[in-house]
Amino acid sequence: MTESETNAKTIRDIYEAFGRGDVPAILERCSPDAEFSFEGGSPSVPWHGPWRGSAAIGRFFGTITEAVTFQSFEPRHFATSASEVAVLVHLRYEIRATKKVVDELQVHWWSLRAGKVSGLRHHEDTAQVIAAARAD
């Protein structure tokens, strides 16, 4: 298996673990200093972060699962290299506090080092997410 294929498998395993709610399995695949962030993130969206290190990334998953109800989480396309994996993901979720629905495509840009995730940068329709998170 090439490094590119191994990286894609790591990310697929993370998505499967997310679907099961298995945060420890996700954290096992992350380096201790990994960082998850959102391009254009906003303080009005509790899960936007950034989240640095295993403990913080664990809190990220707790925050997002408390804040939203996922209706769809579908990784659609993977593009891989020796150190990065980009995934086009369809998400549909309801924000519990506002009852507003977000339906979007995101790009998850994963960075890997020595077989472990060193970073995840979410690229999303930030305006849609911020509007849905607001209680107006």
C-alpha atoms as a PDB file:
ATOM      1  CA  MET A   1       0.000   0.000   0.000  1.00  0.00           C
ATOM      2  CA  THR A   2       1.395   3.436  -0.909  1.00  0.00           C
ATOM      3  CA  GLU A   3       1.672   6.229   1.639  1.00  0.00           C
ATOM      4  CA  SER A   4      -1.131   8.025  -0.187  1.00  0.00           C
ATOM      5  CA  GLU A   5      -3.407   4.962   0.118  1.00  0.00           C
ATOM      6  CA  THR A   6      -2.465   4.514   3.776  1.00  0.00           C
ATOM      7  CA  ASN A   7      -3.378   8.149   4.464  1.00  0.00           C
ATOM      8  CA  ALA A   8      -6.747   7.746   2.742  1.00  0.00           C
ATOM      9  CA  LYS A   9      -7.423   4.635   4.841  1.00  0.00           C
ATOM     10  CA  THR A  10      -6.565   6.543   8.026  1.00  0.00           C
ATOM     11  CA  ILE A  11      -9.077   9.260   7.148  1.00  0.00           C
ATOM     12  CA  ARG A  12     -11.757   6.723   6.166  1.00  0.00           C
ATOM     13  CA  ASP A  13     -11.188   5.005   9.531  1.00  0.00           C
ATOM     14  CA  ILE A  14     -11.643   8.365  11.278  1.00  0.00           C
ATOM     15  CA  TYR A  15     -14.939   8.984   9.470  1.00  0.00           C
ATOM     16  CA  GLU A  16     -16.156   5.492  10.381  1.00  0.00           C
ATOM     17  CA  ALA A  17     -15.194   6.089  14.025  1.00  0.00           C
ATOM     18  CA  PHE A  18     -17.044   9.434  13.948  1.00  0.00           C
ATOM     19  CA  GLY A  19     -20.136   7.630  12.677  1.00  0.00           C
ATOM     20  CA  ARG A  20     -19.923   5.264  15.668  1.00  0.00           C
ATOM     21  CA  GLY A  21     -19.245   8.078  18.113  1.00  0.00           C
ATOM     22  CA  ASP A  22     -15.852   6.523  18.894  1.00  0.00           C
ATOM     23  CA  VAL A  23     -13.744   9.582  19.778  1.00  0.00           C
ATOM     24  CA  PRO A  24     -10.887   7.522  21.334  1.00  0.00           C
ATOM     25  CA  ALA A  25     -10.409   5.746  17.970  1.00  0.00           C
ATOM     26  CA  ILE A  26     -10.180   9.139  16.267  1.00  0.00           C
ATOM     27  CA  LEU A  27      -7.678  10.473  18.795  1.00  0.00           C
ATOM     28  CA  GLU A  28      -5.496   7.358  18.345  1.00  0.00           C
ATOM     29  CA  ARG A  29      -5.018   8.425  14.723  1.00  0.00           C
ATOM     30  CA  CYS A  30      -4.016  12.001  15.629  1.00  0.00           C
ATOM     31  CA  SER A  31      -0.618  13.250  16.749  1.00  0.00           C
ATOM     32  CA  PRO A  32      -0.605  14.708  20.282  1.00  0.00           C
ATOM     33  CA  ASP A  33      -0.113  18.227  18.852  1.00  0.00           C
ATOM     34  CA  ALA A  34      -2.723  17.987  16.057  1.00  0.00           C
ATOM     35  CA  GLU A  35      -4.880  21.028  15.334  1.00  0.00           C
ATOM     36  CA  PHE A  36      -8.455  21.147  14.002  1.00  0.00           C
ATOM     37  CA  SER A  37      -9.670  24.502  12.682  1.00  0.00           C
ATOM     38  CA  PHE A  38     -12.245  26.163  10.448  1.00  0.00           C
ATOM     39  CA  GLU A  39     -11.309  28.508   7.630  1.00  0.00           C
ATOM     40  CA  GLY A  40     -13.171  31.735   8.381  1.00  0.00           C
ATOM     41  CA  GLY A  41     -14.278  30.391  11.783  1.00  0.00           C
ATOM     42  CA  SER A  42     -16.449  32.547  14.007  1.00  0.00           C
ATOM     43  CA  PRO A  43     -16.691  32.859  17.802  1.00  0.00           C
ATOM     44  CA  SER A  44     -20.495  32.707  17.373  1.00  0.00           C
ATOM     45  CA  VAL A  45     -20.151  29.044  16.313  1.00  0.00           C
ATOM     46  CA  PRO A  46     -19.094  27.030  19.394  1.00  0.00           C
ATOM     47  CA  TRP A  47     -17.307  24.254  17.485  1.00  0.00           C
ATOM     48  CA  HIS A  48     -15.202  26.454  15.177  1.00  0.00           C
ATOM     49  CA  GLY A  49     -12.168  26.445  17.456  1.00  0.00           C
ATOM     50  CA  PRO A  50      -9.230  26.218  16.792  1.00  0.00           C
ATOM     51  CA  TRP A  51      -8.671  23.027  18.776  1.00  0.00           C
ATOM     52  CA  ARG A  52      -5.051  22.090  19.553  1.00  0.00           C
ATOM     53  CA  GLY A  53      -3.905  18.841  21.118  1.00  0.00           C
ATOM     54  CA  SER A  54      -5.677  15.615  22.008  1.00  0.00           C
ATOM     55  CA  ALA A  55      -7.684  16.952  24.953  1.00  0.00           C
ATOM     56  CA  ALA A  56      -8.951  19.937  22.964  1.00  0.00           C
ATOM     57  CA  ILE A  57      -9.837  17.807  19.936  1.00  0.00           C
ATOM     58  CA  GLY A  58     -11.778  15.507  22.256  1.00  0.00           C
ATOM     59  CA  ARG A  59     -13.682  18.605  23.473  1.00  0.00           C
ATOM     60  CA  PHE A  60     -14.330  19.589  19.839  1.00  0.00           C
ATOM     61  CA  PHE A  61     -16.230  16.346  19.290  1.00  0.00           C
ATOM     62  CA  GLY A  62     -18.171  16.828  22.527  1.00  0.00           C
ATOM     63  CA  THR A  63     -19.036  20.403  21.568  1.00  0.00           C
ATOM     64  CA  ILE A  64     -20.248  19.601  18.073  1.00  0.00           C
ATOM     65  CA  THR A  65     -22.280  16.552  19.117  1.00  0.00           C
ATOM     66  CA  GLU A  66     -23.956  18.574  21.881  1.00  0.00           C
ATOM     67  CA  ALA A  67     -24.701  21.468  19.519  1.00  0.00           C
ATOM     68  CA  VAL A  68     -26.009  19.713  16.413  1.00  0.00           C
ATOM     69  CA  THR A  69     -28.044  16.731  15.295  1.00  0.00           C
ATOM     70  CA  PHE A  70     -26.525  15.213  12.165  1.00  0.00           C
ATOM     71  CA  GLN A  71     -28.999  14.159   9.506  1.00  0.00           C
ATOM     72  CA  SER A  72     -26.330  13.357   6.906  1.00  0.00           C
ATOM     73  CA  PHE A  73     -22.555  13.046   6.988  1.00  0.00           C
ATOM     74  CA  GLU A  74     -21.350  11.688   3.688  1.00  0.00           C
ATOM     75  CA  PRO A  75     -17.695  11.728   2.582  1.00  0.00           C
ATOM     76  CA  ARG A  76     -17.991  11.736  -1.220  1.00  0.00           C
ATOM     77  CA  HIS A  77     -14.598  12.195  -2.866  1.00  0.00           C
ATOM     78  CA  PHE A  78     -11.016  11.708  -1.679  1.00  0.00           C
ATOM     79  CA  ALA A  79      -7.880  13.274  -3.170  1.00  0.00           C
ATOM     80  CA  THR A  80      -4.646  12.058  -1.604  1.00  0.00           C
ATOM     81  CA  SER A  81      -0.920  12.648  -1.534  1.00  0.00           C
ATOM     82  CA  ALA A  82       1.982  11.502   0.608  1.00  0.00           C
ATOM     83  CA  SER A  83       1.161  14.060   3.312  1.00  0.00           C
ATOM     84  CA  GLU A  84      -2.396  15.327   2.703  1.00  0.00           C
ATOM     85  CA  VAL A  85      -5.925  14.098   2.081  1.00  0.00           C
ATOM     86  CA  ALA A  86      -8.697  16.371   0.834  1.00  0.00           C
ATOM     87  CA  VAL A  87     -12.259  15.098   1.189  1.00  0.00           C
ATOM     88  CA  LEU A  88     -15.467  16.552  -0.209  1.00  0.00           C
ATOM     89  CA  VAL A  89     -18.135  15.921   2.441  1.00  0.00           C
ATOM     90  CA  HIS A  90     -21.886  16.514   2.301  1.00  0.00           C
ATOM     91  CA  LEU A  91     -23.290  17.512   5.703  1.00  0.00           C
ATOM     92  CA  ARG A  92     -26.818  18.194   6.785  1.00  0.00           C
ATOM     93  CA  TYR A  93     -27.488  18.983  10.422  1.00  0.00           C
ATOM     94  CA  GLU A  94     -29.829  20.863  12.697  1.00  0.00           C
ATOM     95  CA  ILE A  95     -28.416  23.244  15.270  1.00  0.00           C
ATOM     96  CA  ARG A  96     -30.213  22.302  18.467  1.00  0.00           C
ATOM     97  CA  ALA A  97     -30.313  25.817  19.983  1.00  0.00           C
ATOM     98  CA  THR A  98     -31.887  27.489  16.935  1.00  0.00           C
ATOM     99  CA  LYS A  99     -33.613  24.550  15.187  1.00  0.00           C
ATOM    100  CA  LYS A 100     -32.063  25.841  11.922  1.00  0.00           C
ATOM    101  CA  VAL A 101     -30.708  23.394   9.350  1.00  0.00           C
ATOM    102  CA  VAL A 102     -27.354  23.601   7.600  1.00  0.00           C
ATOM    103  CA  ASP A 103     -27.077  21.694   4.313  1.00  0.00           C
ATOM    104  CA  GLU A 104     -23.692  22.110   2.692  1.00  0.00           C
ATOM    105  CA  LEU A 105     -20.635  20.679   1.055  1.00  0.00           C
ATOM    106  CA  GLN A 106     -17.415  21.020   3.020  1.00  0.00           C
ATOM    107  CA  VAL A 107     -13.835  20.273   2.102  1.00  0.00           C
ATOM    108  CA  HIS A 108     -11.869  18.646   4.899  1.00  0.00           C
ATOM    109  CA  TRP A 109      -8.157  19.219   4.324  1.00  0.00           C
ATOM    110  CA  TRP A 110      -6.219  16.702   6.404  1.00  0.00           C
ATOM    111  CA  SER A 111      -2.461  16.893   6.978  1.00  0.00           C
ATOM    112  CA  LEU A 112      -0.610  13.760   8.061  1.00  0.00           C
ATOM    113  CA  ARG A 113       2.863  13.209   9.448  1.00  0.00           C
ATOM    114  CA  ALA A 114       4.338   9.748  10.090  1.00  0.00           C
ATOM    115  CA  GLY A 115       0.924   8.118   9.616  1.00  0.00           C
ATOM    116  CA  LYS A 116      -0.873  10.376  12.120  1.00  0.00           C
ATOM    117  CA  VAL A 117      -3.139  13.360  11.570  1.00  0.00           C
ATOM    118  CA  SER A 118      -1.297  16.590  12.329  1.00  0.00           C
ATOM    119  CA  GLY A 119      -4.067  18.908  11.198  1.00  0.00           C
ATOM    120  CA  LEU A 120      -7.594  19.249   9.864  1.00  0.00           C
ATOM    121  CA  ARG A 121      -8.788  22.442   8.234  1.00  0.00           C
ATOM    122  CA  HIS A 122     -12.521  22.661   7.472  1.00  0.00           C
ATOM    123  CA  HIS A 123     -13.606  24.742   4.475  1.00  0.00           C
ATOM    124  CA  GLU A 124     -17.353  25.354   4.654  1.00  0.00           C
ATOM    125  CA  ASP A 125     -20.148  27.759   3.796  1.00  0.00           C
ATOM    126  CA  THR A 126     -19.279  29.827   6.844  1.00  0.00           C
ATOM    127  CA  ALA A 127     -21.985  32.426   6.183  1.00  0.00           C
ATOM    128  CA  GLN A 128     -24.673  29.713   6.202  1.00  0.00           C
ATOM    129  CA  VAL A 129     -23.343  28.179   9.407  1.00  0.00           C
ATOM    130  CA  ILE A 130     -23.051  31.510  11.235  1.00  0.00           C
ATOM    131  CA  ALA A 131     -26.580  32.500  10.169  1.00  0.00           C
ATOM    132  CA  ALA A 132     -27.946  29.161  11.367  1.00  0.00           C
ATOM    133  CA  ALA A 133     -26.140  29.458  14.709  1.00  0.00           C
ATOM    134  CA  ARG A 134     -27.666  32.874  15.399  1.00  0.00           C
ATOM    135  CA  ALA A 135     -30.901  32.880  17.339  1.00  0.00           C
ATOM    136  CA  ASP A 136     -32.465  35.835  15.427  1.00  0.00           C
END
